[in-house]
């Protein structure tokens, strides 16, 4: 099957998947998510890990995809269509389901950059007026309420998101991330993404 046809099939499935309650172990109900986000929601390539993510965050992101607020290229290409027919109760159920799965760290960053990344995460960059990341995301990058868990997300995904915010793509309304990311240089982005990929 050609790649374009495969993606079309995936999105047709996503659009017309059953809308009943999500149950742990009911793979048919979550398959439209795990096609891209990996077995048990652990993430795959540029699709982030959903396992162990804050349920409020997942739910808010689904809403932002549905409302076309998140406008990065992959958001437009894949998630806008995947969430088009997703009702709020279904989004909430999916968010709660993935939040219960034990997350596994990606461990795919550059270990040589991780120490610098931890410093930026814990101390910020005072000379650039960038506050420490842990102030919002927690000392173990565990997140709180609708602020996402960052610990253990894949290096490629984290780097891509920071770069996209810096380029002006949108995030959740009121999020400080586009402003923060626009002040990060390539080395800081590399270091942060590397460090966070190893956090459990």
C-alpha atoms as a PDB file:
ATOM      1  CA  UNK A   1       0.000   0.000   0.000  1.00  0.00           C
ATOM      2  CA  UNK A   2       1.349   3.436  -0.911  1.00  0.00           C
ATOM      3  CA  UNK A   3       2.131   5.716   2.021  1.00  0.00           C
ATOM      4  CA  UNK A   4      -0.507   8.280   0.983  1.00  0.00           C
ATOM      5  CA  UNK A   5      -3.151   5.528   0.853  1.00  0.00           C
ATOM      6  CA  UNK A   6      -2.061   4.202   4.239  1.00  0.00           C
ATOM      7  CA  UNK A   7      -2.495   7.644   5.849  1.00  0.00           C
ATOM      8  CA  UNK A   8      -5.890   8.027   4.168  1.00  0.00           C
ATOM      9  CA  UNK A   9      -6.983   4.693   5.610  1.00  0.00           C
ATOM     10  CA  UNK A  10      -5.775   5.693   9.066  1.00  0.00           C
ATOM     11  CA  UNK A  11      -7.685   8.936   8.990  1.00  0.00           C
ATOM     12  CA  UNK A  12     -10.861   7.374   7.725  1.00  0.00           C
ATOM     13  CA  UNK A  13     -10.619   4.997  10.636  1.00  0.00           C
ATOM     14  CA  UNK A  14     -10.001   7.892  13.020  1.00  0.00           C
ATOM     15  CA  UNK A  15     -12.973   9.831  11.717  1.00  0.00           C
ATOM     16  CA  UNK A  16     -15.439   6.977  11.880  1.00  0.00           C
ATOM     17  CA  UNK A  17     -14.179   5.026  14.889  1.00  0.00           C
ATOM     18  CA  UNK A  18     -16.816   3.955  17.416  1.00  0.00           C
ATOM     19  CA  UNK A  19     -17.732   6.621  19.966  1.00  0.00           C
ATOM     20  CA  UNK A  20     -18.536   4.398  22.949  1.00  0.00           C
ATOM     21  CA  UNK A  21     -16.684   4.408  26.266  1.00  0.00           C
ATOM     22  CA  UNK A  22     -12.989   3.578  26.298  1.00  0.00           C
ATOM     23  CA  UNK A  23     -12.032   0.584  28.386  1.00  0.00           C
ATOM     24  CA  UNK A  24      -8.536  -0.486  29.378  1.00  0.00           C
ATOM     25  CA  UNK A  25      -7.633  -3.485  27.245  1.00  0.00           C
ATOM     26  CA  UNK A  26     -10.235  -2.711  24.590  1.00  0.00           C
ATOM     27  CA  UNK A  27      -7.746  -2.279  21.740  1.00  0.00           C
ATOM     28  CA  UNK A  28     -10.393  -1.630  19.089  1.00  0.00           C
ATOM     29  CA  UNK A  29     -11.400   1.560  20.900  1.00  0.00           C
ATOM     30  CA  UNK A  30      -7.933   3.094  21.000  1.00  0.00           C
ATOM     31  CA  UNK A  31      -6.456   1.735  17.771  1.00  0.00           C
ATOM     32  CA  UNK A  32      -7.086   5.008  15.932  1.00  0.00           C
ATOM     33  CA  UNK A  33      -4.660   6.665  18.398  1.00  0.00           C
ATOM     34  CA  UNK A  34      -2.096   3.886  18.669  1.00  0.00           C
ATOM     35  CA  UNK A  35      -1.605   3.626  14.913  1.00  0.00           C
ATOM     36  CA  UNK A  36       0.582   6.716  15.213  1.00  0.00           C
ATOM     37  CA  UNK A  37       1.282   7.009  18.943  1.00  0.00           C
ATOM     38  CA  UNK A  38       2.557   3.472  19.278  1.00  0.00           C
ATOM     39  CA  UNK A  39       1.608   0.320  21.113  1.00  0.00           C
ATOM     40  CA  UNK A  40       0.232   1.239  24.532  1.00  0.00           C
ATOM     41  CA  UNK A  41       0.578   4.905  23.581  1.00  0.00           C
ATOM     42  CA  UNK A  42       4.340   5.018  24.125  1.00  0.00           C
ATOM     43  CA  UNK A  43       4.967   7.270  21.131  1.00  0.00           C
ATOM     44  CA  UNK A  44       6.454   6.659  17.723  1.00  0.00           C
ATOM     45  CA  UNK A  45       8.786   8.944  15.803  1.00  0.00           C
ATOM     46  CA  UNK A  46       7.222  12.428  15.773  1.00  0.00           C
ATOM     47  CA  UNK A  47       3.972  11.320  17.445  1.00  0.00           C
ATOM     48  CA  UNK A  48       4.396  11.907  21.195  1.00  0.00           C
ATOM     49  CA  UNK A  49       3.922   9.388  23.968  1.00  0.00           C
ATOM     50  CA  UNK A  50       0.403   9.559  25.403  1.00  0.00           C
ATOM     51  CA  UNK A  51       0.954   6.964  28.121  1.00  0.00           C
ATOM     52  CA  UNK A  52       1.130   8.565  31.546  1.00  0.00           C
ATOM     53  CA  UNK A  53       0.349  12.019  30.189  1.00  0.00           C
ATOM     54  CA  UNK A  54      -1.849  14.354  32.242  1.00  0.00           C
ATOM     55  CA  UNK A  55      -5.479  13.625  31.270  1.00  0.00           C
ATOM     56  CA  UNK A  56      -6.409  17.297  31.382  1.00  0.00           C
ATOM     57  CA  UNK A  57      -3.583  18.046  28.972  1.00  0.00           C
ATOM     58  CA  UNK A  58      -4.584  15.336  26.492  1.00  0.00           C
ATOM     59  CA  UNK A  59      -8.168  16.524  26.595  1.00  0.00           C
ATOM     60  CA  UNK A  60      -7.202  20.164  26.055  1.00  0.00           C
ATOM     61  CA  UNK A  61      -4.932  19.260  23.134  1.00  0.00           C
ATOM     62  CA  UNK A  62      -7.660  17.232  21.455  1.00  0.00           C
ATOM     63  CA  UNK A  63      -9.897  20.282  21.788  1.00  0.00           C
ATOM     64  CA  UNK A  64      -7.199  22.541  20.306  1.00  0.00           C
ATOM     65  CA  UNK A  65      -6.710  20.184  17.355  1.00  0.00           C
ATOM     66  CA  UNK A  66     -10.454  20.044  16.826  1.00  0.00           C
ATOM     67  CA  UNK A  67     -10.693  23.846  16.913  1.00  0.00           C
ATOM     68  CA  UNK A  68      -7.618  24.235  14.646  1.00  0.00           C
ATOM     69  CA  UNK A  69      -5.665  26.200  17.264  1.00  0.00           C
ATOM     70  CA  UNK A  70      -2.616  23.976  17.044  1.00  0.00           C
ATOM     71  CA  UNK A  71      -1.448  24.676  13.512  1.00  0.00           C
ATOM     72  CA  UNK A  72       1.977  23.075  13.097  1.00  0.00           C
ATOM     73  CA  UNK A  73       2.326  21.028   9.883  1.00  0.00           C
ATOM     74  CA  UNK A  74       1.658  17.588  11.415  1.00  0.00           C
ATOM     75  CA  UNK A  75      -1.236  19.023  13.430  1.00  0.00           C
ATOM     76  CA  UNK A  76      -2.922  20.197  10.235  1.00  0.00           C
ATOM     77  CA  UNK A  77      -2.057  17.112   8.235  1.00  0.00           C
ATOM     78  CA  UNK A  78      -3.082  14.471  10.751  1.00  0.00           C
ATOM     79  CA  UNK A  79      -4.670  15.639  13.990  1.00  0.00           C
ATOM     80  CA  UNK A  80      -7.210  18.092  12.571  1.00  0.00           C
ATOM     81  CA  UNK A  81      -8.846  15.256  10.676  1.00  0.00           C
ATOM     82  CA  UNK A  82      -8.393  12.695  13.451  1.00  0.00           C
ATOM     83  CA  UNK A  83     -10.269  14.873  15.961  1.00  0.00           C
ATOM     84  CA  UNK A  84     -12.913  16.312  13.622  1.00  0.00           C
ATOM     85  CA  UNK A  85     -15.671  13.929  14.732  1.00  0.00           C
ATOM     86  CA  UNK A  86     -14.416  13.291  18.267  1.00  0.00           C
ATOM     87  CA  UNK A  87     -17.047  14.240  20.838  1.00  0.00           C
ATOM     88  CA  UNK A  88     -16.005  15.788  24.200  1.00  0.00           C
ATOM     89  CA  UNK A  89     -17.018  12.716  26.229  1.00  0.00           C
ATOM     90  CA  UNK A  90     -14.989  10.478  23.921  1.00  0.00           C
ATOM     91  CA  UNK A  91     -11.985  12.806  24.186  1.00  0.00           C
ATOM     92  CA  UNK A  92     -12.258  12.737  27.982  1.00  0.00           C
ATOM     93  CA  UNK A  93     -12.457   8.943  28.032  1.00  0.00           C
ATOM     94  CA  UNK A  94      -9.425   8.574  25.768  1.00  0.00           C
ATOM     95  CA  UNK A  95      -7.457  11.034  27.919  1.00  0.00           C
ATOM     96  CA  UNK A  96      -8.268   9.113  31.083  1.00  0.00           C
ATOM     97  CA  UNK A  97      -7.407   5.803  29.452  1.00  0.00           C
ATOM     98  CA  UNK A  98      -3.941   6.872  28.277  1.00  0.00           C
ATOM     99  CA  UNK A  99      -3.190   8.574  31.594  1.00  0.00           C
ATOM    100  CA  UNK A 100      -3.456   5.215  33.376  1.00  0.00           C
ATOM    101  CA  UNK A 101      -0.754   3.530  31.261  1.00  0.00           C
ATOM    102  CA  UNK A 102       2.739   3.401  32.772  1.00  0.00           C
ATOM    103  CA  UNK A 103       5.017   5.681  30.710  1.00  0.00           C
ATOM    104  CA  UNK A 104       8.438   4.555  29.519  1.00  0.00           C
ATOM    105  CA  UNK A 105      11.241   7.066  28.897  1.00  0.00           C
ATOM    106  CA  UNK A 106      12.360   7.373  25.287  1.00  0.00           C
ATOM    107  CA  UNK A 107      16.074   7.482  26.276  1.00  0.00           C
ATOM    108  CA  UNK A 108      16.954   8.710  22.802  1.00  0.00           C
ATOM    109  CA  UNK A 109      18.621  12.077  23.406  1.00  0.00           C
ATOM    110  CA  UNK A 110      22.258  13.086  23.240  1.00  0.00           C
ATOM    111  CA  UNK A 111      23.746  12.123  26.607  1.00  0.00           C
ATOM    112  CA  UNK A 112      26.581  14.605  26.147  1.00  0.00           C
ATOM    113  CA  UNK A 113      24.013  17.434  26.108  1.00  0.00           C
ATOM    114  CA  UNK A 114      21.806  16.135  28.920  1.00  0.00           C
ATOM    115  CA  UNK A 115      23.704  17.781  31.792  1.00  0.00           C
ATOM    116  CA  UNK A 116      23.356  21.201  30.163  1.00  0.00           C
ATOM    117  CA  UNK A 117      19.685  20.463  29.574  1.00  0.00           C
ATOM    118  CA  UNK A 118      19.133  19.659  33.239  1.00  0.00           C
ATOM    119  CA  UNK A 119      20.705  22.981  34.211  1.00  0.00           C
ATOM    120  CA  UNK A 120      18.404  24.883  31.857  1.00  0.00           C
ATOM    121  CA  UNK A 121      15.413  22.914  33.088  1.00  0.00           C
ATOM    122  CA  UNK A 122      16.148  23.468  36.783  1.00  0.00           C
ATOM    123  CA  UNK A 123      17.657  26.974  36.670  1.00  0.00           C
ATOM    124  CA  UNK A 124      16.369  28.593  33.497  1.00  0.00           C
ATOM    125  CA  UNK A 125      18.525  31.067  31.590  1.00  0.00           C
ATOM    126  CA  UNK A 126      18.690  34.169  33.798  1.00  0.00           C
ATOM    127  CA  UNK A 127      20.541  36.303  31.249  1.00  0.00           C
ATOM    128  CA  UNK A 128      17.718  35.714  28.744  1.00  0.00           C
ATOM    129  CA  UNK A 129      15.017  36.177  31.403  1.00  0.00           C
ATOM    130  CA  UNK A 130      13.853  32.576  30.891  1.00  0.00           C
ATOM    131  CA  UNK A 131      12.407  31.028  34.035  1.00  0.00           C
ATOM    132  CA  UNK A 132      13.228  27.465  35.064  1.00  0.00           C
ATOM    133  CA  UNK A 133      11.051  24.887  33.325  1.00  0.00           C
ATOM    134  CA  UNK A 134      10.366  23.071  36.577  1.00  0.00           C
ATOM    135  CA  UNK A 135       8.364  26.060  37.837  1.00  0.00           C
ATOM    136  CA  UNK A 136       5.479  24.929  35.613  1.00  0.00           C
ATOM    137  CA  UNK A 137       6.300  21.340  34.666  1.00  0.00           C
ATOM    138  CA  UNK A 138       7.487  20.151  38.093  1.00  0.00           C
ATOM    139  CA  UNK A 139      10.908  19.080  39.399  1.00  0.00           C
ATOM    140  CA  UNK A 140      10.616  15.665  37.731  1.00  0.00           C
ATOM    141  CA  UNK A 141       8.956  17.031  34.578  1.00  0.00           C
ATOM    142  CA  UNK A 142       5.767  15.299  35.686  1.00  0.00           C
ATOM    143  CA  UNK A 143       3.428  18.149  34.777  1.00  0.00           C
ATOM    144  CA  UNK A 144       0.378  19.314  36.714  1.00  0.00           C
ATOM    145  CA  UNK A 145      -3.279  19.545  35.668  1.00  0.00           C
ATOM    146  CA  UNK A 146      -3.284  20.741  32.015  1.00  0.00           C
ATOM    147  CA  UNK A 147       0.474  21.417  31.987  1.00  0.00           C
ATOM    148  CA  UNK A 148       2.016  18.392  30.255  1.00  0.00           C
ATOM    149  CA  UNK A 149       4.377  15.749  31.521  1.00  0.00           C
ATOM    150  CA  UNK A 150       7.636  16.225  29.624  1.00  0.00           C
ATOM    151  CA  UNK A 151       9.744  13.575  31.312  1.00  0.00           C
ATOM    152  CA  UNK A 152      10.639  10.756  28.957  1.00  0.00           C
ATOM    153  CA  UNK A 153       9.092  12.199  25.788  1.00  0.00           C
ATOM    154  CA  UNK A 154      11.134  11.513  22.688  1.00  0.00           C
ATOM    155  CA  UNK A 155      14.031  13.771  21.814  1.00  0.00           C
ATOM    156  CA  UNK A 156      12.793  14.249  18.241  1.00  0.00           C
ATOM    157  CA  UNK A 157       9.312  15.282  19.354  1.00  0.00           C
ATOM    158  CA  UNK A 158      10.522  17.701  22.041  1.00  0.00           C
ATOM    159  CA  UNK A 159      13.056  19.316  19.724  1.00  0.00           C
ATOM    160  CA  UNK A 160      10.466  19.678  16.971  1.00  0.00           C
ATOM    161  CA  UNK A 161       7.886  21.288  19.263  1.00  0.00           C
ATOM    162  CA  UNK A 162      10.376  23.798  20.677  1.00  0.00           C
ATOM    163  CA  UNK A 163      11.538  24.681  17.174  1.00  0.00           C
ATOM    164  CA  UNK A 164       7.960  25.084  15.917  1.00  0.00           C
ATOM    165  CA  UNK A 165       7.006  27.410  18.759  1.00  0.00           C
ATOM    166  CA  UNK A 166      10.099  29.452  18.022  1.00  0.00           C
ATOM    167  CA  UNK A 167       8.993  29.683  14.386  1.00  0.00           C
ATOM    168  CA  UNK A 168       5.622  31.125  15.408  1.00  0.00           C
ATOM    169  CA  UNK A 169       3.297  28.125  15.322  1.00  0.00           C
ATOM    170  CA  UNK A 170       0.487  28.297  17.839  1.00  0.00           C
ATOM    171  CA  UNK A 171      -0.112  26.515  21.099  1.00  0.00           C
ATOM    172  CA  UNK A 172      -2.877  26.507  23.682  1.00  0.00           C
ATOM    173  CA  UNK A 173      -4.160  30.080  24.208  1.00  0.00           C
ATOM    174  CA  UNK A 174      -2.294  31.746  27.050  1.00  0.00           C
ATOM    175  CA  UNK A 175       0.634  29.330  26.941  1.00  0.00           C
ATOM    176  CA  UNK A 176       4.019  31.014  27.484  1.00  0.00           C
ATOM    177  CA  UNK A 177       5.813  28.436  25.347  1.00  0.00           C
ATOM    178  CA  UNK A 178       5.975  30.337  22.025  1.00  0.00           C
ATOM    179  CA  UNK A 179       7.616  33.280  23.793  1.00  0.00           C
ATOM    180  CA  UNK A 180       9.982  31.064  25.782  1.00  0.00           C
ATOM    181  CA  UNK A 181      10.945  28.920  22.791  1.00  0.00           C
ATOM    182  CA  UNK A 182      11.642  31.949  20.620  1.00  0.00           C
ATOM    183  CA  UNK A 183      14.456  32.859  23.019  1.00  0.00           C
ATOM    184  CA  UNK A 184      16.095  29.435  22.975  1.00  0.00           C
ATOM    185  CA  UNK A 185      19.023  28.821  20.670  1.00  0.00           C
ATOM    186  CA  UNK A 186      19.716  25.505  18.908  1.00  0.00           C
ATOM    187  CA  UNK A 187      22.098  24.388  21.657  1.00  0.00           C
ATOM    188  CA  UNK A 188      19.554  24.992  24.412  1.00  0.00           C
ATOM    189  CA  UNK A 189      16.862  23.187  22.449  1.00  0.00           C
ATOM    190  CA  UNK A 190      19.198  20.257  21.832  1.00  0.00           C
ATOM    191  CA  UNK A 191      20.143  20.117  25.512  1.00  0.00           C
ATOM    192  CA  UNK A 192      16.594  20.354  26.862  1.00  0.00           C
ATOM    193  CA  UNK A 193      15.178  17.771  24.467  1.00  0.00           C
ATOM    194  CA  UNK A 194      18.054  15.418  25.239  1.00  0.00           C
ATOM    195  CA  UNK A 195      17.764  15.762  29.001  1.00  0.00           C
ATOM    196  CA  UNK A 196      14.002  15.323  29.106  1.00  0.00           C
ATOM    197  CA  UNK A 197      14.121  12.182  26.981  1.00  0.00           C
ATOM    198  CA  UNK A 198      15.970  10.431  29.830  1.00  0.00           C
ATOM    199  CA  UNK A 199      13.737  11.594  32.706  1.00  0.00           C
ATOM    200  CA  UNK A 200      11.581   8.889  34.238  1.00  0.00           C
END
